[in-house]
PDB file of N, CA and C in Angstrom:
ATOM      1  N   MET A   1    -130.632 162.400-138.421  1.00  0.00           N
ATOM      2  CA  MET A   1    -130.622 163.623-137.668  1.00  0.00           C
ATOM      3  C   MET A   1    -131.806 163.584-136.723  1.00  0.00           C
ATOM      4  N   TYR A   2    -131.602 164.025-135.527  1.00  0.00           N
ATOM      5  CA  TYR A   2    -132.657 164.127-134.527  1.00  0.00           C
ATOM      6  C   TYR A   2    -132.817 165.598-134.187  1.00  0.00           C
ATOM      7  N   VAL A   3    -134.015 166.140-134.409  1.00  0.00           N
ATOM      8  CA  VAL A   3    -134.272 167.555-134.142  1.00  0.00           C
ATOM      9  C   VAL A   3    -134.692 167.697-132.686  1.00  0.00           C
ATOM     10  N   LEU A   4    -133.870 168.399-131.895  1.00  0.00           N
ATOM     11  CA  LEU A   4    -134.177 168.619-130.487  1.00  0.00           C
ATOM     12  C   LEU A   4    -135.255 169.685-130.337  1.00  0.00           C
ATOM     13  N   PHE A   5    -135.167 170.752-131.145  1.00  0.00           N
ATOM     14  CA  PHE A   5    -136.184 171.793-131.104  1.00  0.00           C
ATOM     15  C   PHE A   5    -136.186 172.587-132.403  1.00  0.00           C
ATOM     16  N   HIS A   6    -137.390 172.844-132.907  1.00  0.00           N
ATOM     17  CA  HIS A   6    -137.594 173.788-133.997  1.00  0.00           C
ATOM     18  C   HIS A   6    -139.051 174.225-133.926  1.00  0.00           C
ATOM     19  N   ALA A   7    -139.292 175.519-134.060  1.00  0.00           N
ATOM     20  CA  ALA A   7    -140.633 176.072-133.874  1.00  0.00           C
ATOM     21  C   ALA A   7    -141.626 175.558-134.921  1.00  0.00           C
ATOM     22  N   THR A   8    -141.187 175.373-136.165  1.00  0.00           N
ATOM     23  CA  THR A   8    -142.094 174.887-137.215  1.00  0.00           C
ATOM     24  C   THR A   8    -141.530 173.605-137.803  1.00  0.00           C
ATOM     25  N   ALA A   9    -141.233 173.587-139.087  1.00  0.00           N
ATOM     26  CA  ALA A   9    -140.651 172.409-139.735  1.00  0.00           C
ATOM     27  C   ALA A   9    -139.393 172.822-140.485  1.00  0.00           C
ATOM     28  N   ILE A  10    -138.468 171.892-140.617  1.00  0.00           N
ATOM     29  CA  ILE A  10    -137.218 172.123-141.356  1.00  0.00           C
ATOM     30  C   ILE A  10    -137.371 171.481-142.725  1.00  0.00           C
ATOM     31  N   TYR A  11    -137.074 172.247-143.760  1.00  0.00           N
ATOM     32  CA  TYR A  11    -137.180 171.803-145.150  1.00  0.00           C
ATOM     33  C   TYR A  11    -135.849 171.979-145.863  1.00  0.00           C
ATOM     34  N   PRO A  12    -135.673 171.344-147.035  1.00  0.00           N
ATOM     35  CA  PRO A  12    -134.466 171.620-147.832  1.00  0.00           C
ATOM     36  C   PRO A  12    -134.338 173.124-148.081  1.00  0.00           C
ATOM     37  N   GLY A  13    -133.100 173.605-148.009  1.00  0.00           N
ATOM     38  CA  GLY A  13    -132.830 175.027-148.138  1.00  0.00           C
ATOM     39  C   GLY A  13    -132.551 175.684-146.793  1.00  0.00           C
ATOM     40  N   PHE A  14    -132.847 174.973-145.696  1.00  0.00           N
ATOM     41  CA  PHE A  14    -132.591 175.494-144.351  1.00  0.00           C
ATOM     42  C   PHE A  14    -131.090 175.606-144.118  1.00  0.00           C
ATOM     43  N   GLN A  15    -130.626 176.774-143.694  1.00  0.00           N
ATOM     44  CA  GLN A  15    -129.203 176.986-143.403  1.00  0.00           C
ATOM     45  C   GLN A  15    -128.994 177.010-141.902  1.00  0.00           C
ATOM     46  N   THR A  16    -127.913 176.379-141.467  1.00  0.00           N
ATOM     47  CA  THR A  16    -127.617 176.289-140.044  1.00  0.00           C
ATOM     48  C   THR A  16    -126.118 176.199-139.824  1.00  0.00           C
ATOM     49  N   THR A  17    -125.680 176.514-138.615  1.00  0.00           N
ATOM     50  CA  THR A  17    -124.283 176.333-138.239  1.00  0.00           C
ATOM     51  C   THR A  17    -124.096 174.898-137.784  1.00  0.00           C
ATOM     52  N   VAL A  18    -123.152 174.208-138.413  1.00  0.00           N
ATOM     53  CA  VAL A  18    -122.878 172.803-138.126  1.00  0.00           C
ATOM     54  C   VAL A  18    -121.578 172.709-137.327  1.00  0.00           C
ATOM     55  N   HIS A  19    -121.604 171.916-136.258  1.00  0.00           N
ATOM     56  CA  HIS A  19    -120.420 171.669-135.435  1.00  0.00           C
ATOM     57  C   HIS A  19    -120.083 170.183-135.528  1.00  0.00           C
ATOM     58  N   ILE A  20    -118.891 169.880-136.028  1.00  0.00           N
ATOM     59  CA  ILE A  20    -118.408 168.497-136.130  1.00  0.00           C
ATOM     60  C   ILE A  20    -116.989 168.510-135.571  1.00  0.00           C
ATOM     61  N   GLY A  21    -116.808 168.018-134.360  1.00  0.00           N
ATOM     62  CA  GLY A  21    -115.491 168.108-133.726  1.00  0.00           C
ATOM     63  C   GLY A  21    -115.088 169.563-133.590  1.00  0.00           C
ATOM     64  N   ASN A  22    -113.925 169.919-134.140  1.00  0.00           N
ATOM     65  CA  ASN A  22    -113.493 171.317-134.074  1.00  0.00           C
ATOM     66  C   ASN A  22    -113.920 172.113-135.309  1.00  0.00           C
ATOM     67  N   ILE A  23    -114.759 171.546-136.149  1.00  0.00           N
ATOM     68  CA  ILE A  23    -115.271 172.226-137.347  1.00  0.00           C
ATOM     69  C   ILE A  23    -116.530 172.999-136.980  1.00  0.00           C
ATOM     70  N   ARG A  24    -116.594 174.234-137.434  1.00  0.00           N
ATOM     71  CA  ARG A  24    -117.805 175.044-137.277  1.00  0.00           C
ATOM     72  C   ARG A  24    -117.990 175.817-138.571  1.00  0.00           C
ATOM     73  N   GLN A  25    -119.057 175.496-139.300  1.00  0.00           N
ATOM     74  CA  GLN A  25    -119.298 176.141-140.574  1.00  0.00           C
ATOM     75  C   GLN A  25    -120.785 176.104-140.913  1.00  0.00           C
ATOM     76  N   THR A  26    -121.230 177.086-141.663  1.00  0.00           N
ATOM     77  CA  THR A  26    -122.615 177.111-142.120  1.00  0.00           C
ATOM     78  C   THR A  26    -122.792 176.074-143.225  1.00  0.00           C
ATOM     79  N   ALA A  27    -123.892 175.362-143.148  1.00  0.00           N
ATOM     80  CA  ALA A  27    -124.230 174.362-144.161  1.00  0.00           C
ATOM     81  C   ALA A  27    -125.712 174.520-144.495  1.00  0.00           C
ATOM     82  N   VAL A  28    -126.083 174.045-145.665  1.00  0.00           N
ATOM     83  CA  VAL A  28    -127.476 174.103-146.105  1.00  0.00           C
ATOM     84  C   VAL A  28    -127.980 172.678-146.310  1.00  0.00           C
ATOM     85  N   ILE A  29    -129.229 172.449-145.945  1.00  0.00           N
ATOM     86  CA  ILE A  29    -129.839 171.140-146.157  1.00  0.00           C
ATOM     87  C   ILE A  29    -130.256 171.039-147.616  1.00  0.00           C
ATOM     88  N   GLU A  30    -129.701 170.063-148.314  1.00  0.00           N
ATOM     89  CA  GLU A  30    -130.019 169.837-149.722  1.00  0.00           C
ATOM     90  C   GLU A  30    -131.136 168.818-149.909  1.00  0.00           C
ATOM     91  N   GLY A  31    -131.277 167.910-148.961  1.00  0.00           N
ATOM     92  CA  GLY A  31    -132.301 166.881-149.080  1.00  0.00           C
ATOM     93  C   GLY A  31    -132.661 166.274-147.741  1.00  0.00           C
ATOM     94  N   ILE A  32    -133.899 165.824-147.624  1.00  0.00           N
ATOM     95  CA  ILE A  32    -134.408 165.199-146.401  1.00  0.00           C
ATOM     96  C   ILE A  32    -135.209 163.966-146.813  1.00  0.00           C
ATOM     97  N   THR A  33    -135.007 162.841-146.102  1.00  0.00           N
ATOM     98  CA  THR A  33    -135.746 161.628-146.440  1.00  0.00           C
ATOM     99  C   THR A  33    -137.201 161.700-145.989  1.00  0.00           C
ATOM    100  N   ALA A  34    -137.491 162.481-144.957  1.00  0.00           N
ATOM    101  CA  ALA A  34    -138.863 162.593-144.452  1.00  0.00           C
ATOM    102  C   ALA A  34    -139.682 163.524-145.343  1.00  0.00           C
ATOM    103  N   THR A  35    -140.894 163.118-145.636  1.00  0.00           N
ATOM    104  CA  THR A  35    -141.775 163.999-146.401  1.00  0.00           C
ATOM    105  C   THR A  35    -142.474 164.936-145.424  1.00  0.00           C
ATOM    106  N   GLY A  36    -142.718 166.162-145.848  1.00  0.00           N
ATOM    107  CA  GLY A  36    -143.385 167.133-144.984  1.00  0.00           C
ATOM    108  C   GLY A  36    -142.465 167.816-144.003  1.00  0.00           C
ATOM    109  N   GLY A  37    -141.165 167.701-144.221  1.00  0.00           N
ATOM    110  CA  GLY A  37    -140.211 168.374-143.343  1.00  0.00           C
ATOM    111  C   GLY A  37    -139.968 167.618-142.048  1.00  0.00           C
ATOM    112  N   ILE A  38    -139.080 168.161-141.231  1.00  0.00           N
ATOM    113  CA  ILE A  38    -138.732 167.555-139.944  1.00  0.00           C
ATOM    114  C   ILE A  38    -139.179 168.515-138.848  1.00  0.00           C
ATOM    115  N   HIS A  39    -139.845 167.982-137.839  1.00  0.00           N
ATOM    116  CA  HIS A  39    -140.331 168.775-136.712  1.00  0.00           C
ATOM    117  C   HIS A  39    -139.572 168.390-135.445  1.00  0.00           C
ATOM    118  N   THR A  40    -139.847 169.074-134.349  1.00  0.00           N
ATOM    119  CA  THR A  40    -139.251 168.748-133.055  1.00  0.00           C
ATOM    120  C   THR A  40    -139.483 167.278-132.733  1.00  0.00           C
ATOM    121  N   ASN A  41    -138.442 166.602-132.257  1.00  0.00           N
ATOM    122  CA  ASN A  41    -138.433 165.186-131.881  1.00  0.00           C
ATOM    123  C   ASN A  41    -138.536 164.223-133.064  1.00  0.00           C
ATOM    124  N   ASP A  42    -138.413 164.718-134.297  1.00  0.00           N
ATOM    125  CA  ASP A  42    -138.405 163.846-135.479  1.00  0.00           C
ATOM    126  C   ASP A  42    -136.988 163.387-135.781  1.00  0.00           C
ATOM    127  N   ARG A  43    -136.900 162.248-136.476  1.00  0.00           N
ATOM    128  CA  ARG A  43    -135.623 161.712-136.937  1.00  0.00           C
ATOM    129  C   ARG A  43    -135.717 161.487-138.441  1.00  0.00           C
ATOM    130  N   ALA A  44    -134.638 161.827-139.157  1.00  0.00           N
ATOM    131  CA  ALA A  44    -134.603 161.611-140.604  1.00  0.00           C
ATOM    132  C   ALA A  44    -133.159 161.688-141.082  1.00  0.00           C
ATOM    133  N   SER A  45    -132.889 161.103-142.238  1.00  0.00           N
ATOM    134  CA  SER A  45    -131.575 161.272-142.870  1.00  0.00           C
ATOM    135  C   SER A  45    -131.606 162.574-143.663  1.00  0.00           C
ATOM    136  N   VAL A  46    -130.510 163.306-143.564  1.00  0.00           N
ATOM    137  CA  VAL A  46    -130.433 164.644-144.156  1.00  0.00           C
ATOM    138  C   VAL A  46    -129.137 164.774-144.941  1.00  0.00           C
ATOM    139  N   LEU A  47    -129.195 165.459-146.073  1.00  0.00           N
ATOM    140  CA  LEU A  47    -128.012 165.741-146.880  1.00  0.00           C
ATOM    141  C   LEU A  47    -127.655 167.211-146.711  1.00  0.00           C
ATOM    142  N   PHE A  48    -126.470 167.476-146.153  1.00  0.00           N
ATOM    143  CA  PHE A  48    -125.980 168.832-145.947  1.00  0.00           C
ATOM    144  C   PHE A  48    -124.913 169.162-146.979  1.00  0.00           C
ATOM    145  N   ARG A  49    -124.763 170.445-147.289  1.00  0.00           N
ATOM    146  CA  ARG A  49    -123.681 170.945-148.140  1.00  0.00           C
ATOM    147  C   ARG A  49    -123.044 172.133-147.434  1.00  0.00           C
ATOM    148  N   PHE A  50    -121.714 172.082-147.274  1.00  0.00           N
ATOM    149  CA  PHE A  50    -121.001 173.216-146.688  1.00  0.00           C
ATOM    150  C   PHE A  50    -121.097 174.420-147.619  1.00  0.00           C
ATOM    151  N   LEU A  51    -121.216 175.607-147.051  1.00  0.00           N
ATOM    152  CA  LEU A  51    -121.344 176.805-147.871  1.00  0.00           C
ATOM    153  C   LEU A  51    -120.016 177.457-148.219  1.00  0.00           C
ATOM    154  N   ARG A  52    -119.048 177.448-147.328  1.00  0.00           N
ATOM    155  CA  ARG A  52    -117.790 178.162-147.563  1.00  0.00           C
ATOM    156  C   ARG A  52    -116.745 177.339-148.301  1.00  0.00           C
ATOM    157  N   HIS A  53    -116.354 176.230-147.709  1.00  0.00           N
ATOM    158  CA  HIS A  53    -115.278 175.402-148.262  1.00  0.00           C
ATOM    159  C   HIS A  53    -115.427 173.983-147.739  1.00  0.00           C
ATOM    160  N   PRO A  54    -114.808 173.019-148.408  1.00  0.00           N
ATOM    161  CA  PRO A  54    -114.880 171.630-147.942  1.00  0.00           C
ATOM    162  C   PRO A  54    -114.192 171.465-146.590  1.00  0.00           C
ATOM    163  N   GLU A  55    -114.614 170.479-145.857  1.00  0.00           N
ATOM    164  CA  GLU A  55    -114.006 170.151-144.564  1.00  0.00           C
ATOM    165  C   GLU A  55    -113.650 168.668-144.559  1.00  0.00           C
ATOM    166  N   TYR A  56    -112.708 168.306-143.708  1.00  0.00           N
ATOM    167  CA  TYR A  56    -112.331 166.909-143.563  1.00  0.00           C
ATOM    168  C   TYR A  56    -113.239 166.281-142.515  1.00  0.00           C
ATOM    169  N   VAL A  57    -114.182 165.470-142.958  1.00  0.00           N
ATOM    170  CA  VAL A  57    -115.093 164.768-142.059  1.00  0.00           C
ATOM    171  C   VAL A  57    -115.074 163.289-142.421  1.00  0.00           C
ATOM    172  N   LYS A  58    -115.359 162.451-141.417  1.00  0.00           N
ATOM    173  CA  LYS A  58    -115.354 161.010-141.628  1.00  0.00           C
ATOM    174  C   LYS A  58    -116.668 160.416-141.146  1.00  0.00           C
ATOM    175  N   VAL A  59    -117.003 159.278-141.717  1.00  0.00           N
ATOM    176  CA  VAL A  59    -118.184 158.530-141.285  1.00  0.00           C
ATOM    177  C   VAL A  59    -118.024 158.189-139.811  1.00  0.00           C
ATOM    178  N   GLY A  60    -119.086 158.370-139.062  1.00  0.00           N
ATOM    179  CA  GLY A  60    -119.071 158.063-137.638  1.00  0.00           C
ATOM    180  C   GLY A  60    -118.904 159.281-136.750  1.00  0.00           C
ATOM    181  N   MET A  61    -118.453 160.396-137.307  1.00  0.00           N
ATOM    182  CA  MET A  61    -118.284 161.609-136.497  1.00  0.00           C
ATOM    183  C   MET A  61    -119.656 162.125-136.066  1.00  0.00           C
ATOM    184  N   ARG A  62    -119.703 162.634-134.846  1.00  0.00           N
ATOM    185  CA  ARG A  62    -120.949 163.197-134.324  1.00  0.00           C
ATOM    186  C   ARG A  62    -121.099 164.633-134.786  1.00  0.00           C
ATOM    187  N   LEU A  63    -122.350 165.047-134.916  1.00  0.00           N
ATOM    188  CA  LEU A  63    -122.662 166.358-135.458  1.00  0.00           C
ATOM    189  C   LEU A  63    -123.711 167.034-134.579  1.00  0.00           C
ATOM    190  N   LEU A  64    -123.531 168.334-134.405  1.00  0.00           N
ATOM    191  CA  LEU A  64    -124.507 169.169-133.716  1.00  0.00           C
ATOM    192  C   LEU A  64    -124.788 170.344-134.623  1.00  0.00           C
ATOM    193  N   PHE A  65    -126.051 170.693-134.803  1.00  0.00           N
ATOM    194  CA  PHE A  65    -126.343 171.900-135.564  1.00  0.00           C
ATOM    195  C   PHE A  65    -127.203 172.820-134.723  1.00  0.00           C
ATOM    196  N   GLN A  66    -127.021 174.114-134.960  1.00  0.00           N
ATOM    197  CA  GLN A  66    -127.727 175.115-134.174  1.00  0.00           C
ATOM    198  C   GLN A  66    -127.943 176.357-135.015  1.00  0.00           C
ATOM    199  N   GLU A  67    -129.140 176.885-134.963  1.00  0.00           N
ATOM    200  CA  GLU A  67    -129.460 178.156-135.619  1.00  0.00           C
ATOM    201  C   GLU A  67    -130.530 178.817-134.768  1.00  0.00           C
ATOM    202  N   GLY A  68    -130.137 179.843-134.004  1.00  0.00           N
ATOM    203  CA  GLY A  68    -131.080 180.458-133.063  1.00  0.00           C
ATOM    204  C   GLY A  68    -131.448 179.444-131.999  1.00  0.00           C
ATOM    205  N   ARG A  69    -132.747 179.207-131.812  1.00  0.00           N
ATOM    206  CA  ARG A  69    -133.196 178.219-130.824  1.00  0.00           C
ATOM    207  C   ARG A  69    -133.304 176.819-131.420  1.00  0.00           C
ATOM    208  N   THR A  70    -133.139 176.689-132.731  1.00  0.00           N
ATOM    209  CA  THR A  70    -133.210 175.391-133.402  1.00  0.00           C
ATOM    210  C   THR A  70    -131.940 174.594-133.129  1.00  0.00           C
ATOM    211  N   LYS A  71    -132.116 173.351-132.701  1.00  0.00           N
ATOM    212  CA  LYS A  71    -130.965 172.493-132.388  1.00  0.00           C
ATOM    213  C   LYS A  71    -131.248 171.076-132.845  1.00  0.00           C
ATOM    214  N   GLY A  72    -130.186 170.374-133.237  1.00  0.00           N
ATOM    215  CA  GLY A  72    -130.320 168.978-133.627  1.00  0.00           C
ATOM    216  C   GLY A  72    -128.989 168.265-133.520  1.00  0.00           C
ATOM    217  N   ILE A  73    -129.036 166.938-133.456  1.00  0.00           N
ATOM    218  CA  ILE A  73    -127.834 166.119-133.351  1.00  0.00           C
ATOM    219  C   ILE A  73    -127.922 164.976-134.349  1.00  0.00           C
ATOM    220  N   GLY A  74    -126.769 164.387-134.632  1.00  0.00           N
ATOM    221  CA  GLY A  74    -126.746 163.234-135.521  1.00  0.00           C
ATOM    222  C   GLY A  74    -125.349 162.682-135.665  1.00  0.00           C
ATOM    223  N   LYS A  75    -125.227 161.709-136.547  1.00  0.00           N
ATOM    224  CA  LYS A  75    -123.952 161.063-136.816  1.00  0.00           C
ATOM    225  C   LYS A  75    -123.784 160.986-138.323  1.00  0.00           C
ATOM    226  N   ILE A  76    -122.579 161.256-138.819  1.00  0.00           N
ATOM    227  CA  ILE A  76    -122.313 161.202-140.255  1.00  0.00           C
ATOM    228  C   ILE A  76    -122.300 159.746-140.703  1.00  0.00           C
ATOM    229  N   THR A  77    -123.107 159.444-141.721  1.00  0.00           N
ATOM    230  CA  THR A  77    -123.197 158.079-142.220  1.00  0.00           C
ATOM    231  C   THR A  77    -122.595 157.930-143.609  1.00  0.00           C
ATOM    232  N   GLN A  78    -122.439 159.027-144.325  1.00  0.00           N
ATOM    233  CA  GLN A  78    -121.875 158.969-145.670  1.00  0.00           C
ATOM    234  C   GLN A  78    -121.237 160.309-146.003  1.00  0.00           C
ATOM    235  N   VAL A  79    -120.107 160.269-146.706  1.00  0.00           N
ATOM    236  CA  VAL A  79    -119.408 161.483-147.130  1.00  0.00           C
ATOM    237  C   VAL A  79    -119.178 161.402-148.630  1.00  0.00           C
ATOM    238  N   PHE A  80    -119.439 162.512-149.307  1.00  0.00           N
ATOM    239  CA  PHE A  80    -119.201 162.594-150.737  1.00  0.00           C
ATOM    240  C   PHE A  80    -117.941 163.411-150.946  1.00  0.00           C
ATOM    241  N   PRO A  81    -116.851 162.803-151.402  1.00  0.00           N
ATOM    242  CA  PRO A  81    -115.580 163.532-151.522  1.00  0.00           C
ATOM    243  C   PRO A  81    -115.649 164.623-152.575  1.00  0.00           C
ATOM    244  N   LEU A  82    -114.869 165.643-152.336  1.00  0.00           N
ATOM    245  CA  LEU A  82    -114.741 166.740-153.284  1.00  0.00           C
ATOM    246  C   LEU A  82    -114.091 166.209-154.539  1.00  0.00           C
ATOM    247  N   GLN A  83    -114.750 166.376-155.673  1.00  0.00           N
ATOM    248  CA  GLN A  83    -114.218 165.866-156.929  1.00  0.00           C
ATOM    249  C   GLN A  83    -113.499 166.984-157.671  1.00  0.00           C
ATOM    250  N   VAL A  84    -112.349 166.673-158.181  1.00  0.00           N
ATOM    251  CA  VAL A  84    -111.602 167.644-158.963  1.00  0.00           C
ATOM    252  C   VAL A  84    -111.689 167.217-160.424  1.00  0.00           C
ATOM    253  N   CYS A  85    -112.849 167.472-161.021  1.00  0.00           N
ATOM    254  CA  CYS A  85    -112.998 167.240-162.449  1.00  0.00           C
ATOM    255  C   CYS A  85    -113.082 168.635-163.048  1.00  0.00           C
ATOM    256  N   ALA A  86    -111.954 169.215-163.246  1.00  0.00           N
ATOM    257  CA  ALA A  86    -111.883 170.626-163.608  1.00  0.00           C
ATOM    258  C   ALA A  86    -111.017 170.812-164.837  1.00  0.00           C
ATOM    259  N   ILE A  87    -111.172 171.969-165.431  1.00  0.00           N
ATOM    260  CA  ILE A  87    -110.324 172.379-166.533  1.00  0.00           C
ATOM    261  C   ILE A  87    -109.294 173.338-165.967  1.00  0.00           C
ATOM    262  N   GLU A  88    -108.043 173.094-166.217  1.00  0.00           N
ATOM    263  CA  GLU A  88    -106.995 173.954-165.690  1.00  0.00           C
ATOM    264  C   GLU A  88    -106.386 174.760-166.824  1.00  0.00           C
ATOM    265  N   ARG A  89    -106.414 176.069-166.682  1.00  0.00           N
ATOM    266  CA  ARG A  89    -105.784 176.956-167.661  1.00  0.00           C
ATOM    267  C   ARG A  89    -104.552 177.571-167.017  1.00  0.00           C
ATOM    268  N   ILE A  90    -103.495 177.603-167.742  1.00  0.00           N
ATOM    269  CA  ILE A  90    -102.257 178.178-167.221  1.00  0.00           C
ATOM    270  C   ILE A  90    -101.911 179.414-168.031  1.00  0.00           C
ATOM    271  N   ASN A  91    -101.753 180.518-167.341  1.00  0.00           N
ATOM    272  CA  ASN A  91    -101.335 181.759-167.957  1.00  0.00           C
ATOM    273  C   ASN A  91     -99.825 181.865-167.735  1.00  0.00           C
ATOM    274  N   LEU A  92     -99.057 181.563-168.766  1.00  0.00           N
ATOM    275  CA  LEU A  92     -97.597 181.507-168.617  1.00  0.00           C
ATOM    276  C   LEU A  92     -96.958 182.865-168.354  1.00  0.00           C
ATOM    277  N   THR A  93     -97.577 183.945-168.819  1.00  0.00           N
ATOM    278  CA  THR A  93     -96.968 185.255-168.617  1.00  0.00           C
ATOM    279  C   THR A  93     -97.003 185.678-167.154  1.00  0.00           C
ATOM    280  N   HIS A  94     -98.030 185.252-166.433  1.00  0.00           N
ATOM    281  CA  HIS A  94     -98.139 185.631-165.026  1.00  0.00           C
ATOM    282  C   HIS A  94     -98.027 184.420-164.097  1.00  0.00           C
ATOM    283  N   ASP A  95     -97.812 183.231-164.683  1.00  0.00           N
ATOM    284  CA  ASP A  95     -97.711 181.998-163.914  1.00  0.00           C
ATOM    285  C   ASP A  95     -98.922 181.838-162.976  1.00  0.00           C
ATOM    286  N   ILE A  96    -100.117 182.003-163.522  1.00  0.00           N
ATOM    287  CA  ILE A  96    -101.350 181.891-162.751  1.00  0.00           C
ATOM    288  C   ILE A  96    -102.118 180.674-163.239  1.00  0.00           C
ATOM    289  N   ARG A  97    -102.618 179.901-162.332  1.00  0.00           N
ATOM    290  CA  ARG A  97    -103.442 178.751-162.680  1.00  0.00           C
ATOM    291  C   ARG A  97    -104.884 179.058-162.298  1.00  0.00           C
ATOM    292  N   ILE A  98    -105.785 178.882-163.233  1.00  0.00           N
ATOM    293  CA  ILE A  98    -107.206 179.114-162.997  1.00  0.00           C
ATOM    294  C   ILE A  98    -107.919 177.786-163.172  1.00  0.00           C
ATOM    295  N   ILE A  99    -108.659 177.386-162.181  1.00  0.00           N
ATOM    296  CA  ILE A  99    -109.380 176.120-162.253  1.00  0.00           C
ATOM    297  C   ILE A  99    -110.864 176.423-162.396  1.00  0.00           C
ATOM    298  N   ILE A 100    -111.464 175.861-163.418  1.00  0.00           N
ATOM    299  CA  ILE A 100    -112.891 176.036-163.685  1.00  0.00           C
ATOM    300  C   ILE A 100    -113.541 174.671-163.536  1.00  0.00           C
ATOM    301  N   SER A 101    -114.606 174.606-162.785  1.00  0.00           N
ATOM    302  CA  SER A 101    -115.238 173.322-162.554  1.00  0.00           C
ATOM    303  C   SER A 101    -116.721 173.369-162.859  1.00  0.00           C
ATOM    304  N   ASP A 102    -117.235 172.245-163.326  1.00  0.00           N
ATOM    305  CA  ASP A 102    -118.675 172.119-163.518  1.00  0.00           C
ATOM    306  C   ASP A 102    -119.140 170.752-163.021  1.00  0.00           C
ATOM    307  N   CYS A 103    -118.547 170.295-161.913  1.00  0.00           N
ATOM    308  CA  CYS A 103    -118.830 168.959-161.394  1.00  0.00           C
ATOM    309  C   CYS A 103    -120.082 168.902-160.540  1.00  0.00           C
ATOM    310  N   PHE A 104    -120.455 169.977-159.934  1.00  0.00           N
ATOM    311  CA  PHE A 104    -121.514 169.982-158.948  1.00  0.00           C
ATOM    312  C   PHE A 104    -122.660 170.833-159.455  1.00  0.00           C
ATOM    313  N   PRO A 105    -123.846 170.681-158.925  1.00  0.00           N
ATOM    314  CA  PRO A 105    -124.983 171.461-159.413  1.00  0.00           C
ATOM    315  C   PRO A 105    -124.714 172.964-159.473  1.00  0.00           C
ATOM    316  N   CYS A 106    -123.951 173.487-158.526  1.00  0.00           N
ATOM    317  CA  CYS A 106    -123.591 174.899-158.571  1.00  0.00           C
ATOM    318  C   CYS A 106    -122.330 175.012-159.412  1.00  0.00           C
ATOM    319  N   LYS A 107    -122.406 175.589-160.594  1.00  0.00           N
ATOM    320  CA  LYS A 107    -121.278 175.597-161.515  1.00  0.00           C
ATOM    321  C   LYS A 107    -120.187 176.590-161.114  1.00  0.00           C
ATOM    322  N   ASP A 108    -120.427 177.423-160.126  1.00  0.00           N
ATOM    323  CA  ASP A 108    -119.431 178.418-159.731  1.00  0.00           C
ATOM    324  C   ASP A 108    -118.426 177.864-158.723  1.00  0.00           C
ATOM    325  N   LEU A 109    -118.871 177.009-157.841  1.00  0.00           N
ATOM    326  CA  LEU A 109    -118.012 176.537-156.755  1.00  0.00           C
ATOM    327  C   LEU A 109    -118.225 175.056-156.509  1.00  0.00           C
ATOM    328  N   LEU A 110    -117.235 174.421-155.948  1.00  0.00           N
ATOM    329  CA  LEU A 110    -117.351 173.034-155.523  1.00  0.00           C
ATOM    330  C   LEU A 110    -117.549 172.993-154.014  1.00  0.00           C
ATOM    331  N   TYR A 111    -118.432 172.153-153.553  1.00  0.00           N
ATOM    332  CA  TYR A 111    -118.653 171.987-152.125  1.00  0.00           C
ATOM    333  C   TYR A 111    -118.612 170.508-151.801  1.00  0.00           C
ATOM    334  N   GLU A 112    -118.231 170.202-150.592  1.00  0.00           N
ATOM    335  CA  GLU A 112    -118.318 168.827-150.135  1.00  0.00           C
ATOM    336  C   GLU A 112    -119.632 168.682-149.397  1.00  0.00           C
ATOM    337  N   VAL A 113    -120.291 167.578-149.601  1.00  0.00           N
ATOM    338  CA  VAL A 113    -121.559 167.337-148.924  1.00  0.00           C
ATOM    339  C   VAL A 113    -121.435 166.088-148.078  1.00  0.00           C
ATOM    340  N   PHE A 114    -122.254 165.989-147.069  1.00  0.00           N
ATOM    341  CA  PHE A 114    -122.227 164.814-146.233  1.00  0.00           C
ATOM    342  C   PHE A 114    -123.638 164.486-145.813  1.00  0.00           C
ATOM    343  N   LEU A 115    -123.858 163.232-145.488  1.00  0.00           N
ATOM    344  CA  LEU A 115    -125.166 162.737-145.104  1.00  0.00           C
ATOM    345  C   LEU A 115    -125.069 162.223-143.694  1.00  0.00           C
ATOM    346  N   PHE A 116    -126.023 162.598-142.860  1.00  0.00           N
ATOM    347  CA  PHE A 116    -126.020 161.994-141.544  1.00  0.00           C
ATOM    348  C   PHE A 116    -127.410 161.580-141.162  1.00  0.00           C
ATOM    349  N   SER A 117    -127.462 160.555-140.318  1.00  0.00           N
ATOM    350  CA  SER A 117    -128.719 159.946-139.907  1.00  0.00           C
ATOM    351  C   SER A 117    -128.953 160.190-138.428  1.00  0.00           C
ATOM    352  N   PRO A 118    -130.132 159.811-137.938  1.00  0.00           N
ATOM    353  CA  PRO A 118    -130.422 159.995-136.527  1.00  0.00           C
ATOM    354  C   PRO A 118    -129.373 159.338-135.641  1.00  0.00           C
ATOM    355  N   SER A 119    -129.096 159.993-134.549  1.00  0.00           N
ATOM    356  CA  SER A 119    -128.135 159.461-133.595  1.00  0.00           C
ATOM    357  C   SER A 119    -128.828 158.412-132.739  1.00  0.00           C
ATOM    358  N   HIS A 120    -128.216 157.254-132.619  1.00  0.00           N
ATOM    359  CA  HIS A 120    -128.788 156.167-131.788  1.00  0.00           C
ATOM    360  C   HIS A 120    -127.970 156.059-130.531  1.00  0.00           C
ATOM    361  N   HIS A 121    -128.615 156.280-129.405  1.00  0.00           N
ATOM    362  CA  HIS A 121    -127.875 156.255-128.112  1.00  0.00           C
ATOM    363  C   HIS A 121    -127.970 154.893-127.492  1.00  0.00           C
TER     364      HIS A 121
END
């Protein structure tokens, strides 16, 4: 990821709107390879997690993120597929299927995460 502008430093936990092709969704930074955060004109590999729902993304897709005046660009280098390691309960009286998952650190929901590195022009 290459940070075009940010007033201070970006740390894990930073939420931003991510644009990948026609995808636009809020994501949170889960991890950064740089110690001490990322500042304007810095490059680092970053691990993002979508907040709402998984998206179909592929390695090599370009990414733009923006939050207020903060902007950055990059390219997806790794994708972690959504895992369906869940327990399925079937309620036969109402024909309802409930899926409970504990595959990801957040035990309430599953998210897809992706890693992208600095964009090389």
